[in-house]
Amino acid sequence: MAMNEARRTRLLAWAGAAILLSSVLVGAQEDSRRLWDSAFLAKREPAKAKPRPAKPPEYRVATPTPPATAKPADTAAPGEFLGVTVWRLRRSQASDSGESRLLIQETEKERTESVEWTPQRVEADTPFAAGDRVRLSIESPRAGYLYVVDREFYADGTTSDPYLIFPTQRMRDGDNSVRAGKVIELPGRAAFKLTPLRPDYQGERLTILVTSEQLPGVSVPLDAERLDPAQVAQWETQWAAAAERLELIGGAGQMSTGTERAAAQGRLLTQADDLPQTLYRVLSAPGSPVLISVPLKIAK
């Protein structure tokens, strides 16, 4: 009888702990949904022609919540946000709407042709196949300047030299300023083609950096230009912070819309417009540079 009573006490304790844990997890998810709404969407201008959706899209937490110790000690702010949409391109089909198609100039063995591709959203950790074509859309809810560095990474943990792929003079005439609602789409009117040049190639690692001021000593090249690896390592050591990734529920697989195509050409998005597929909540101090890493992995 005493054993049964002890067992019942343990079961009740476990049940209570499970309910408490469930409440914490649900609360964390609700907090995350409120965070993107208040700290990202609200930074955009209100829509003049159409109202903000009564039931906004929802995000799910795709990475473990960073520990409290990872938050800046001098602030209770929820961190800085950065929106990224990774697009995987497929050949356009007759059923694809005209607004979702993208015409890309491709050069193969001294032959140039225009090919229609349809971009589709994928989650940031989606594995790709060798030869896949990929594009990125980036939106910062705070004003600043955007830099994107690309490196190949290999099975032994090493990487290639870093290359500054944005800004360049061939894209937006070198203008790398960002603000809420302004979408930077890379790479211009082309696409990243994930082409293995080594047997141990595992993909590309993009370092996305938003700063309040232009980086001193970094000029805007005509095309992608090699950077000093030590300089990039210093940026990552100095500005890297814990980050949480959120994915738009139901967004993966969706084709680009006319609104998104217009945003890529310079139209500012409003609170009633499409949201990024992936949000990064970076636990950096307000005003400090925001730095994240986005790997484009080749499936094994």
C-alpha atoms as a PDB file:
ATOM      1  CA  MET A   1       0.000   0.000   0.000  1.00  0.00           C
ATOM      2  CA  ALA A   2       2.846   2.383   0.890  1.00  0.00           C
ATOM      3  CA  MET A   3       4.518   1.529  -2.410  1.00  0.00           C
ATOM      4  CA  ASN A   4       1.310   2.313  -4.321  1.00  0.00           C
ATOM      5  CA  GLU A   5       0.977   5.630  -2.531  1.00  0.00           C
ATOM      6  CA  ALA A   6       4.592   6.558  -3.325  1.00  0.00           C
ATOM      7  CA  ARG A   7       4.083   5.555  -6.894  1.00  0.00           C
ATOM      8  CA  ARG A   8       0.929   7.681  -7.151  1.00  0.00           C
ATOM      9  CA  THR A   9       2.830  10.638  -5.692  1.00  0.00           C
ATOM     10  CA  ARG A  10       5.563  10.257  -8.306  1.00  0.00           C
ATOM     11  CA  LEU A  11       2.994   9.989 -11.106  1.00  0.00           C
ATOM     12  CA  LEU A  12       1.243  13.121  -9.932  1.00  0.00           C
ATOM     13  CA  ALA A  13       4.576  14.928  -9.755  1.00  0.00           C
ATOM     14  CA  TRP A  14       5.491  13.811 -13.277  1.00  0.00           C
ATOM     15  CA  ALA A  15       2.065  14.849 -14.577  1.00  0.00           C
ATOM     16  CA  GLY A  16       2.459  18.249 -12.973  1.00  0.00           C
ATOM     17  CA  ALA A  17       5.916  18.647 -14.482  1.00  0.00           C
ATOM     18  CA  ALA A  18       4.598  17.640 -17.919  1.00  0.00           C
ATOM     19  CA  ILE A  19       1.792  20.212 -17.724  1.00  0.00           C
ATOM     20  CA  LEU A  20       4.261  22.886 -16.634  1.00  0.00           C
ATOM     21  CA  LEU A  21       6.678  21.982 -19.425  1.00  0.00           C
ATOM     22  CA  SER A  22       3.848  22.034 -21.975  1.00  0.00           C
ATOM     23  CA  SER A  23       2.811  25.489 -20.757  1.00  0.00           C
ATOM     24  CA  VAL A  24       6.382  26.729 -21.050  1.00  0.00           C
ATOM     25  CA  LEU A  25       6.750  25.367 -24.601  1.00  0.00           C
ATOM     26  CA  VAL A  26       3.410  26.789 -25.727  1.00  0.00           C
ATOM     27  CA  GLY A  27       4.307  30.097 -24.103  1.00  0.00           C
ATOM     28  CA  ALA A  28       7.667  30.118 -25.875  1.00  0.00           C
ATOM     29  CA  GLN A  29       5.967  29.478 -29.226  1.00  0.00           C
ATOM     30  CA  GLU A  30       3.418  32.222 -28.615  1.00  0.00           C
ATOM     31  CA  ASP A  31       6.208  34.597 -27.570  1.00  0.00           C
ATOM     32  CA  SER A  32       8.055  33.827 -30.813  1.00  0.00           C
ATOM     33  CA  ARG A  33       4.943  34.537 -32.863  1.00  0.00           C
ATOM     34  CA  ARG A  34       4.422  37.827 -31.047  1.00  0.00           C
ATOM     35  CA  LEU A  35       8.094  38.698 -31.508  1.00  0.00           C
ATOM     36  CA  TRP A  36       8.050  38.501 -35.295  1.00  0.00           C
ATOM     37  CA  ASP A  37       4.806  40.444 -35.349  1.00  0.00           C
ATOM     38  CA  SER A  38       6.005  43.271 -33.129  1.00  0.00           C
ATOM     39  CA  ALA A  39       9.683  43.436 -34.015  1.00  0.00           C
ATOM     40  CA  PHE A  40       9.631  42.680 -37.729  1.00  0.00           C
ATOM     41  CA  LEU A  41       6.265  43.241 -39.393  1.00  0.00           C
ATOM     42  CA  ALA A  42       5.453  46.399 -37.439  1.00  0.00           C
ATOM     43  CA  LYS A  43       8.619  48.034 -38.773  1.00  0.00           C
ATOM     44  CA  ARG A  44       7.089  48.111 -42.258  1.00  0.00           C
ATOM     45  CA  GLU A  45       4.813  50.926 -43.350  1.00  0.00           C
ATOM     46  CA  PRO A  46       1.039  50.313 -43.006  1.00  0.00           C
ATOM     47  CA  ALA A  47      -0.687  49.365 -46.242  1.00  0.00           C
ATOM     48  CA  LYS A  48      -2.719  52.146 -47.860  1.00  0.00           C
ATOM     49  CA  ALA A  49      -4.766  50.053 -50.294  1.00  0.00           C
ATOM     50  CA  LYS A  50      -5.447  46.854 -48.364  1.00  0.00           C
ATOM     51  CA  PRO A  51      -5.740  46.074 -44.652  1.00  0.00           C
ATOM     52  CA  ARG A  52      -3.324  43.943 -42.684  1.00  0.00           C
ATOM     53  CA  PRO A  53      -4.608  40.320 -42.554  1.00  0.00           C
ATOM     54  CA  ALA A  54      -6.893  39.669 -39.578  1.00  0.00           C
ATOM     55  CA  LYS A  55      -5.153  36.315 -39.014  1.00  0.00           C
ATOM     56  CA  PRO A  56      -1.481  36.856 -39.818  1.00  0.00           C
ATOM     57  CA  PRO A  57       0.729  33.958 -40.931  1.00  0.00           C
ATOM     58  CA  GLU A  58       2.372  31.959 -38.173  1.00  0.00           C
ATOM     59  CA  TYR A  59       5.986  30.980 -37.617  1.00  0.00           C
ATOM     60  CA  ARG A  60       7.354  27.969 -35.814  1.00  0.00           C
ATOM     61  CA  VAL A  61      10.624  27.840 -33.928  1.00  0.00           C
ATOM     62  CA  ALA A  62      13.016  25.706 -36.000  1.00  0.00           C
ATOM     63  CA  THR A  63      16.002  25.859 -33.651  1.00  0.00           C
ATOM     64  CA  PRO A  64      16.299  25.522 -29.880  1.00  0.00           C
ATOM     65  CA  THR A  65      15.686  28.751 -28.038  1.00  0.00           C
ATOM     66  CA  PRO A  66      19.071  30.255 -27.071  1.00  0.00           C
ATOM     67  CA  PRO A  67      19.792  30.069 -23.321  1.00  0.00           C
ATOM     68  CA  ALA A  68      19.152  33.135 -21.200  1.00  0.00           C
ATOM     69  CA  THR A  69      22.896  33.459 -20.652  1.00  0.00           C
ATOM     70  CA  ALA A  70      23.294  34.151 -24.381  1.00  0.00           C
ATOM     71  CA  LYS A  71      21.274  37.360 -24.157  1.00  0.00           C
ATOM     72  CA  PRO A  72      23.116  40.676 -23.867  1.00  0.00           C
ATOM     73  CA  ALA A  73      23.653  41.476 -20.219  1.00  0.00           C
ATOM     74  CA  ASP A  74      22.875  45.156 -20.653  1.00  0.00           C
ATOM     75  CA  THR A  75      19.434  44.882 -22.260  1.00  0.00           C
ATOM     76  CA  ALA A  76      16.120  43.065 -21.953  1.00  0.00           C
ATOM     77  CA  ALA A  77      15.362  43.643 -25.652  1.00  0.00           C
ATOM     78  CA  PRO A  78      14.320  40.595 -27.682  1.00  0.00           C
ATOM     79  CA  GLY A  79      17.250  40.969 -30.061  1.00  0.00           C
ATOM     80  CA  GLU A  80      17.529  41.996 -33.690  1.00  0.00           C
ATOM     81  CA  PHE A  81      15.647  40.400 -36.581  1.00  0.00           C
ATOM     82  CA  LEU A  82      16.651  39.554 -40.140  1.00  0.00           C
ATOM     83  CA  GLY A  83      14.364  38.083 -42.788  1.00  0.00           C
ATOM     84  CA  VAL A  84      15.695  35.654 -45.406  1.00  0.00           C
ATOM     85  CA  THR A  85      13.885  33.719 -48.111  1.00  0.00           C
ATOM     86  CA  VAL A  86      15.815  30.973 -49.906  1.00  0.00           C
ATOM     87  CA  TRP A  87      14.382  30.210 -53.342  1.00  0.00           C
ATOM     88  CA  ARG A  88      15.061  26.953 -55.187  1.00  0.00           C
ATOM     89  CA  LEU A  89      14.538  27.374 -58.930  1.00  0.00           C
ATOM     90  CA  ARG A  90      12.861  24.830 -61.180  1.00  0.00           C
ATOM     91  CA  ARG A  91      12.119  24.992 -64.896  1.00  0.00           C
ATOM     92  CA  SER A  92       8.887  26.891 -65.469  1.00  0.00           C
ATOM     93  CA  GLN A  93       5.829  24.888 -66.474  1.00  0.00           C
ATOM     94  CA  ALA A  94       2.866  25.900 -68.611  1.00  0.00           C
ATOM     95  CA  SER A  95       0.679  25.992 -65.489  1.00  0.00           C
ATOM     96  CA  ASP A  96       2.925  28.528 -63.699  1.00  0.00           C
ATOM     97  CA  SER A  97       1.546  32.051 -63.587  1.00  0.00           C
ATOM     98  CA  GLY A  98       3.488  34.693 -65.450  1.00  0.00           C
ATOM     99  CA  GLU A  99       4.191  36.698 -62.299  1.00  0.00           C
ATOM    100  CA  SER A 100       6.000  33.749 -60.672  1.00  0.00           C
ATOM    101  CA  ARG A 101       8.420  33.206 -63.572  1.00  0.00           C
ATOM    102  CA  LEU A 102      11.937  34.577 -63.686  1.00  0.00           C
ATOM    103  CA  LEU A 103      13.921  35.012 -66.889  1.00  0.00           C
ATOM    104  CA  ILE A 104      17.613  34.268 -66.363  1.00  0.00           C
ATOM    105  CA  GLN A 105      20.503  34.657 -68.751  1.00  0.00           C
ATOM    106  CA  GLU A 106      22.611  31.489 -68.666  1.00  0.00           C
ATOM    107  CA  THR A 107      25.979  30.891 -70.277  1.00  0.00           C
ATOM    108  CA  GLU A 108      27.104  27.348 -71.045  1.00  0.00           C
ATOM    109  CA  LYS A 109      30.290  26.773 -73.072  1.00  0.00           C
ATOM    110  CA  GLU A 110      30.230  30.131 -74.835  1.00  0.00           C
ATOM    111  CA  ARG A 111      26.499  29.814 -75.494  1.00  0.00           C
ATOM    112  CA  THR A 112      24.109  32.275 -73.868  1.00  0.00           C
ATOM    113  CA  GLU A 113      20.372  31.735 -73.686  1.00  0.00           C
ATOM    114  CA  SER A 114      17.399  33.042 -71.733  1.00  0.00           C
ATOM    115  CA  VAL A 115      15.700  30.398 -69.611  1.00  0.00           C
ATOM    116  CA  GLU A 116      12.501  30.735 -67.595  1.00  0.00           C
ATOM    117  CA  TRP A 117      12.696  29.467 -64.039  1.00  0.00           C
ATOM    118  CA  THR A 118      10.097  29.459 -61.268  1.00  0.00           C
ATOM    119  CA  PRO A 119      11.397  30.242 -57.749  1.00  0.00           C
ATOM    120  CA  GLN A 120       9.872  28.253 -54.889  1.00  0.00           C
ATOM    121  CA  ARG A 121      10.361  28.908 -51.194  1.00  0.00           C
ATOM    122  CA  VAL A 122      12.338  26.408 -49.142  1.00  0.00           C
ATOM    123  CA  GLU A 123      13.219  26.353 -45.464  1.00  0.00           C
ATOM    124  CA  ALA A 124      16.742  27.477 -44.632  1.00  0.00           C
ATOM    125  CA  ASP A 125      17.983  23.986 -43.715  1.00  0.00           C
ATOM    126  CA  THR A 126      16.679  22.318 -46.897  1.00  0.00           C
ATOM    127  CA  PRO A 127      19.300  20.045 -48.550  1.00  0.00           C
ATOM    128  CA  PHE A 128      19.952  20.703 -52.241  1.00  0.00           C
ATOM    129  CA  ALA A 129      21.153  18.552 -55.101  1.00  0.00           C
ATOM    130  CA  ALA A 130      24.348  19.290 -56.994  1.00  0.00           C
ATOM    131  CA  GLY A 131      23.479  21.589 -59.873  1.00  0.00           C
ATOM    132  CA  ASP A 132      20.467  23.178 -58.169  1.00  0.00           C
ATOM    133  CA  ARG A 133      19.957  26.883 -58.760  1.00  0.00           C
ATOM    134  CA  VAL A 134      19.255  29.072 -55.748  1.00  0.00           C
ATOM    135  CA  ARG A 135      18.375  32.711 -55.091  1.00  0.00           C
ATOM    136  CA  LEU A 136      18.021  34.704 -51.869  1.00  0.00           C
ATOM    137  CA  SER A 137      15.796  37.546 -50.708  1.00  0.00           C
ATOM    138  CA  ILE A 138      16.963  39.513 -47.659  1.00  0.00           C
ATOM    139  CA  GLU A 139      15.066  42.105 -45.622  1.00  0.00           C
ATOM    140  CA  SER A 140      16.305  43.999 -42.583  1.00  0.00           C
ATOM    141  CA  PRO A 141      13.672  45.662 -40.364  1.00  0.00           C
ATOM    142  CA  ARG A 142      16.219  48.250 -39.291  1.00  0.00           C
ATOM    143  CA  ALA A 143      18.075  50.730 -41.471  1.00  0.00           C
ATOM    144  CA  GLY A 144      21.698  50.002 -42.258  1.00  0.00           C
ATOM    145  CA  TYR A 145      24.017  48.460 -44.819  1.00  0.00           C
ATOM    146  CA  LEU A 146      24.052  44.892 -46.095  1.00  0.00           C
ATOM    147  CA  TYR A 147      27.100  42.733 -46.832  1.00  0.00           C
ATOM    148  CA  VAL A 148      27.044  39.115 -48.027  1.00  0.00           C
ATOM    149  CA  VAL A 149      30.151  36.905 -47.995  1.00  0.00           C
ATOM    150  CA  ASP A 150      30.259  33.501 -49.697  1.00  0.00           C
ATOM    151  CA  ARG A 151      32.528  30.510 -49.041  1.00  0.00           C
ATOM    152  CA  GLU A 152      32.457  26.916 -50.195  1.00  0.00           C
ATOM    153  CA  PHE A 153      32.693  24.393 -47.365  1.00  0.00           C
ATOM    154  CA  TYR A 154      34.090  20.889 -47.492  1.00  0.00           C
ATOM    155  CA  ALA A 155      33.726  17.542 -45.718  1.00  0.00           C
ATOM    156  CA  ASP A 156      36.914  18.007 -43.679  1.00  0.00           C
ATOM    157  CA  GLY A 157      35.572  21.200 -42.081  1.00  0.00           C
ATOM    158  CA  THR A 158      37.659  23.614 -44.162  1.00  0.00           C
ATOM    159  CA  THR A 159      36.328  26.362 -46.408  1.00  0.00           C
ATOM    160  CA  SER A 160      37.428  28.222 -49.498  1.00  0.00           C
ATOM    161  CA  ASP A 161      38.585  31.830 -49.381  1.00  0.00           C
ATOM    162  CA  PRO A 162      35.751  34.273 -48.614  1.00  0.00           C
ATOM    163  CA  TYR A 163      34.314  36.379 -51.430  1.00  0.00           C
ATOM    164  CA  LEU A 164      32.245  39.517 -51.096  1.00  0.00           C
ATOM    165  CA  ILE A 165      29.265  38.858 -53.386  1.00  0.00           C
ATOM    166  CA  PHE A 166      27.193  41.850 -52.245  1.00  0.00           C
ATOM    167  CA  PRO A 167      27.496  44.763 -52.684  1.00  0.00           C
ATOM    168  CA  THR A 168      28.938  44.932 -56.188  1.00  0.00           C
ATOM    169  CA  GLN A 169      28.602  47.617 -58.809  1.00  0.00           C
ATOM    170  CA  ARG A 170      26.720  45.200 -61.085  1.00  0.00           C
ATOM    171  CA  MET A 171      23.916  44.849 -58.532  1.00  0.00           C
ATOM    172  CA  ARG A 172      21.831  47.905 -57.644  1.00  0.00           C
ATOM    173  CA  ASP A 173      24.745  50.072 -58.818  1.00  0.00           C
ATOM    174  CA  GLY A 174      26.539  49.246 -55.571  1.00  0.00           C
ATOM    175  CA  ASP A 175      23.740  50.521 -53.301  1.00  0.00           C
ATOM    176  CA  ASN A 176      23.716  48.260 -50.222  1.00  0.00           C
ATOM    177  CA  SER A 177      21.454  50.337 -47.990  1.00  0.00           C
ATOM    178  CA  VAL A 178      18.574  48.495 -46.311  1.00  0.00           C
ATOM    179  CA  ARG A 179      15.455  49.432 -44.409  1.00  0.00           C
ATOM    180  CA  ALA A 180      12.170  47.826 -43.361  1.00  0.00           C
ATOM    181  CA  GLY A 181      10.197  46.672 -46.397  1.00  0.00           C
ATOM    182  CA  LYS A 182      13.155  46.940 -48.775  1.00  0.00           C
ATOM    183  CA  VAL A 183      14.081  43.561 -50.270  1.00  0.00           C
ATOM    184  CA  ILE A 184      17.549  42.784 -51.596  1.00  0.00           C
ATOM    185  CA  GLU A 185      17.410  39.847 -54.009  1.00  0.00           C
ATOM    186  CA  LEU A 186      20.615  38.011 -54.897  1.00  0.00           C
ATOM    187  CA  PRO A 187      22.310  37.481 -57.242  1.00  0.00           C
ATOM    188  CA  GLY A 188      20.789  40.173 -59.480  1.00  0.00           C
ATOM    189  CA  ARG A 189      19.144  38.601 -62.544  1.00  0.00           C
ATOM    190  CA  ALA A 190      21.159  35.397 -62.229  1.00  0.00           C
ATOM    191  CA  ALA A 191      21.200  32.449 -59.801  1.00  0.00           C
ATOM    192  CA  PHE A 192      23.674  30.626 -57.599  1.00  0.00           C
ATOM    193  CA  LYS A 193      24.395  27.242 -59.201  1.00  0.00           C
ATOM    194  CA  LEU A 194      25.596  24.736 -56.632  1.00  0.00           C
ATOM    195  CA  THR A 195      28.361  23.155 -58.695  1.00  0.00           C
ATOM    196  CA  PRO A 196      30.874  20.856 -56.947  1.00  0.00           C
ATOM    197  CA  LEU A 197      34.433  21.674 -58.022  1.00  0.00           C
ATOM    198  CA  ARG A 198      35.923  19.229 -55.495  1.00  0.00           C
ATOM    199  CA  PRO A 199      34.815  15.687 -54.550  1.00  0.00           C
ATOM    200  CA  ASP A 200      34.405  16.733 -50.907  1.00  0.00           C
ATOM    201  CA  TYR A 201      32.287  19.816 -51.711  1.00  0.00           C
ATOM    202  CA  GLN A 202      29.323  20.080 -49.324  1.00  0.00           C
ATOM    203  CA  GLY A 203      27.806  23.419 -50.250  1.00  0.00           C
ATOM    204  CA  GLU A 204      28.069  27.171 -49.773  1.00  0.00           C
ATOM    205  CA  ARG A 205      28.128  29.131 -46.531  1.00  0.00           C
ATOM    206  CA  LEU A 206      26.750  32.661 -46.743  1.00  0.00           C
ATOM    207  CA  THR A 207      27.636  35.157 -44.029  1.00  0.00           C
ATOM    208  CA  ILE A 208      25.009  37.910 -43.964  1.00  0.00           C
ATOM    209  CA  LEU A 209      25.963  41.088 -42.144  1.00  0.00           C
ATOM    210  CA  VAL A 210      23.966  44.259 -41.465  1.00  0.00           C
ATOM    211  CA  THR A 211      25.809  47.255 -40.025  1.00  0.00           C
ATOM    212  CA  SER A 212      24.683  50.723 -38.988  1.00  0.00           C
ATOM    213  CA  GLU A 213      27.505  52.355 -40.971  1.00  0.00           C
ATOM    214  CA  GLN A 214      29.418  51.353 -44.087  1.00  0.00           C
ATOM    215  CA  LEU A 215      32.309  49.024 -43.233  1.00  0.00           C
ATOM    216  CA  PRO A 216      35.553  51.017 -43.286  1.00  0.00           C
ATOM    217  CA  GLY A 217      38.105  49.831 -45.789  1.00  0.00           C
ATOM    218  CA  VAL A 218      35.616  47.732 -47.776  1.00  0.00           C
ATOM    219  CA  SER A 219      35.134  49.102 -51.278  1.00  0.00           C
ATOM    220  CA  VAL A 220      32.360  48.135 -53.679  1.00  0.00           C
ATOM    221  CA  PRO A 221      33.951  45.976 -56.420  1.00  0.00           C
ATOM    222  CA  LEU A 222      32.654  45.543 -59.948  1.00  0.00           C
ATOM    223  CA  ASP A 223      32.063  41.816 -59.385  1.00  0.00           C
ATOM    224  CA  ALA A 224      32.522  39.379 -56.517  1.00  0.00           C
ATOM    225  CA  GLU A 225      35.918  39.987 -54.935  1.00  0.00           C
ATOM    226  CA  ARG A 226      38.119  37.968 -52.588  1.00  0.00           C
ATOM    227  CA  LEU A 227      38.334  39.235 -49.016  1.00  0.00           C
ATOM    228  CA  ASP A 228      41.102  38.790 -46.486  1.00  0.00           C
ATOM    229  CA  PRO A 229      40.150  35.629 -44.507  1.00  0.00           C
ATOM    230  CA  ALA A 230      41.577  37.180 -41.330  1.00  0.00           C
ATOM    231  CA  GLN A 231      39.307  40.205 -41.744  1.00  0.00           C
ATOM    232  CA  VAL A 232      36.207  38.048 -42.147  1.00  0.00           C
ATOM    233  CA  ALA A 233      37.241  35.929 -39.157  1.00  0.00           C
ATOM    234  CA  GLN A 234      37.542  39.107 -37.091  1.00  0.00           C
ATOM    235  CA  TRP A 235      34.015  40.186 -38.055  1.00  0.00           C
ATOM    236  CA  GLU A 236      32.634  36.798 -37.082  1.00  0.00           C
ATOM    237  CA  THR A 237      34.499  36.727 -33.778  1.00  0.00           C
ATOM    238  CA  GLN A 238      33.487  40.280 -32.917  1.00  0.00           C
ATOM    239  CA  TRP A 239      29.826  40.237 -34.012  1.00  0.00           C
ATOM    240  CA  ALA A 240      28.573  36.653 -33.991  1.00  0.00           C
ATOM    241  CA  ALA A 241      25.778  36.092 -31.448  1.00  0.00           C
ATOM    242  CA  ALA A 242      23.339  33.364 -30.510  1.00  0.00           C
ATOM    243  CA  ALA A 243      20.444  33.214 -32.973  1.00  0.00           C
ATOM    244  CA  GLU A 244      17.039  31.579 -33.157  1.00  0.00           C
ATOM    245  CA  ARG A 245      15.528  30.549 -36.517  1.00  0.00           C
ATOM    246  CA  LEU A 246      11.795  30.700 -37.215  1.00  0.00           C
ATOM    247  CA  GLU A 247      10.129  29.215 -40.310  1.00  0.00           C
ATOM    248  CA  LEU A 248       6.870  30.382 -41.881  1.00  0.00           C
ATOM    249  CA  ILE A 249       4.288  27.612 -41.457  1.00  0.00           C
ATOM    250  CA  GLY A 250       3.041  26.494 -44.858  1.00  0.00           C
ATOM    251  CA  GLY A 251       5.471  28.720 -46.737  1.00  0.00           C
ATOM    252  CA  ALA A 252       7.807  26.062 -48.152  1.00  0.00           C
ATOM    253  CA  GLY A 253       6.920  25.177 -51.745  1.00  0.00           C
ATOM    254  CA  GLN A 254       5.082  28.427 -52.422  1.00  0.00           C
ATOM    255  CA  MET A 255       5.983  30.193 -55.666  1.00  0.00           C
ATOM    256  CA  SER A 256       7.048  33.824 -55.722  1.00  0.00           C
ATOM    257  CA  THR A 257       4.251  36.343 -56.135  1.00  0.00           C
ATOM    258  CA  GLY A 258       3.855  39.518 -58.120  1.00  0.00           C
ATOM    259  CA  THR A 259       4.304  41.500 -54.913  1.00  0.00           C
ATOM    260  CA  GLU A 260       7.637  39.820 -54.252  1.00  0.00           C
ATOM    261  CA  ARG A 261       8.756  40.318 -57.839  1.00  0.00           C
ATOM    262  CA  ALA A 262       7.914  44.024 -57.540  1.00  0.00           C
ATOM    263  CA  ALA A 263       9.788  44.222 -54.229  1.00  0.00           C
ATOM    264  CA  ALA A 264      12.882  42.818 -55.920  1.00  0.00           C
ATOM    265  CA  GLN A 265      12.649  45.733 -58.359  1.00  0.00           C
ATOM    266  CA  GLY A 266      12.490  48.355 -55.607  1.00  0.00           C
ATOM    267  CA  ARG A 267       8.893  48.506 -54.340  1.00  0.00           C
ATOM    268  CA  LEU A 268       8.704  48.682 -50.544  1.00  0.00           C
ATOM    269  CA  LEU A 269       6.709  45.930 -48.849  1.00  0.00           C
ATOM    270  CA  THR A 270       3.962  46.930 -46.421  1.00  0.00           C
ATOM    271  CA  GLN A 271       2.399  45.244 -43.414  1.00  0.00           C
ATOM    272  CA  ALA A 272      -0.170  43.587 -45.707  1.00  0.00           C
ATOM    273  CA  ASP A 273       2.424  42.012 -48.026  1.00  0.00           C
ATOM    274  CA  ASP A 274       4.268  38.707 -48.104  1.00  0.00           C
ATOM    275  CA  LEU A 275       6.595  37.885 -45.229  1.00  0.00           C
ATOM    276  CA  PRO A 276      10.022  36.197 -45.438  1.00  0.00           C
ATOM    277  CA  GLN A 277      10.137  32.419 -45.259  1.00  0.00           C
ATOM    278  CA  THR A 278      12.762  32.467 -42.499  1.00  0.00           C
ATOM    279  CA  LEU A 279      13.260  34.892 -39.635  1.00  0.00           C
ATOM    280  CA  TYR A 280      16.447  35.013 -37.598  1.00  0.00           C
ATOM    281  CA  ARG A 281      16.228  36.463 -34.110  1.00  0.00           C
ATOM    282  CA  VAL A 282      19.780  37.445 -33.250  1.00  0.00           C
ATOM    283  CA  LEU A 283      20.528  38.099 -29.587  1.00  0.00           C
ATOM    284  CA  SER A 284      22.855  41.016 -30.148  1.00  0.00           C
ATOM    285  CA  ALA A 285      22.781  44.337 -28.350  1.00  0.00           C
ATOM    286  CA  PRO A 286      20.609  47.022 -30.015  1.00  0.00           C
ATOM    287  CA  GLY A 287      22.567  48.959 -32.621  1.00  0.00           C
ATOM    288  CA  SER A 288      25.411  46.452 -32.924  1.00  0.00           C
ATOM    289  CA  PRO A 289      26.016  44.672 -36.258  1.00  0.00           C
ATOM    290  CA  VAL A 290      23.751  41.710 -37.013  1.00  0.00           C
ATOM    291  CA  LEU A 291      25.608  38.677 -38.366  1.00  0.00           C
ATOM    292  CA  ILE A 292      24.154  35.295 -39.329  1.00  0.00           C
ATOM    293  CA  SER A 293      25.374  32.268 -41.265  1.00  0.00           C
ATOM    294  CA  VAL A 294      23.134  30.605 -43.872  1.00  0.00           C
ATOM    295  CA  PRO A 295      24.460  27.285 -45.231  1.00  0.00           C
ATOM    296  CA  LEU A 296      23.274  25.983 -48.611  1.00  0.00           C
ATOM    297  CA  LYS A 297      23.967  22.285 -48.090  1.00  0.00           C
ATOM    298  CA  ILE A 298      24.313  19.579 -50.717  1.00  0.00           C
ATOM    299  CA  ALA A 299      22.423  16.409 -49.754  1.00  0.00           C
ATOM    300  CA  LYS A 300      24.571  13.367 -49.082  1.00  0.00           C
END
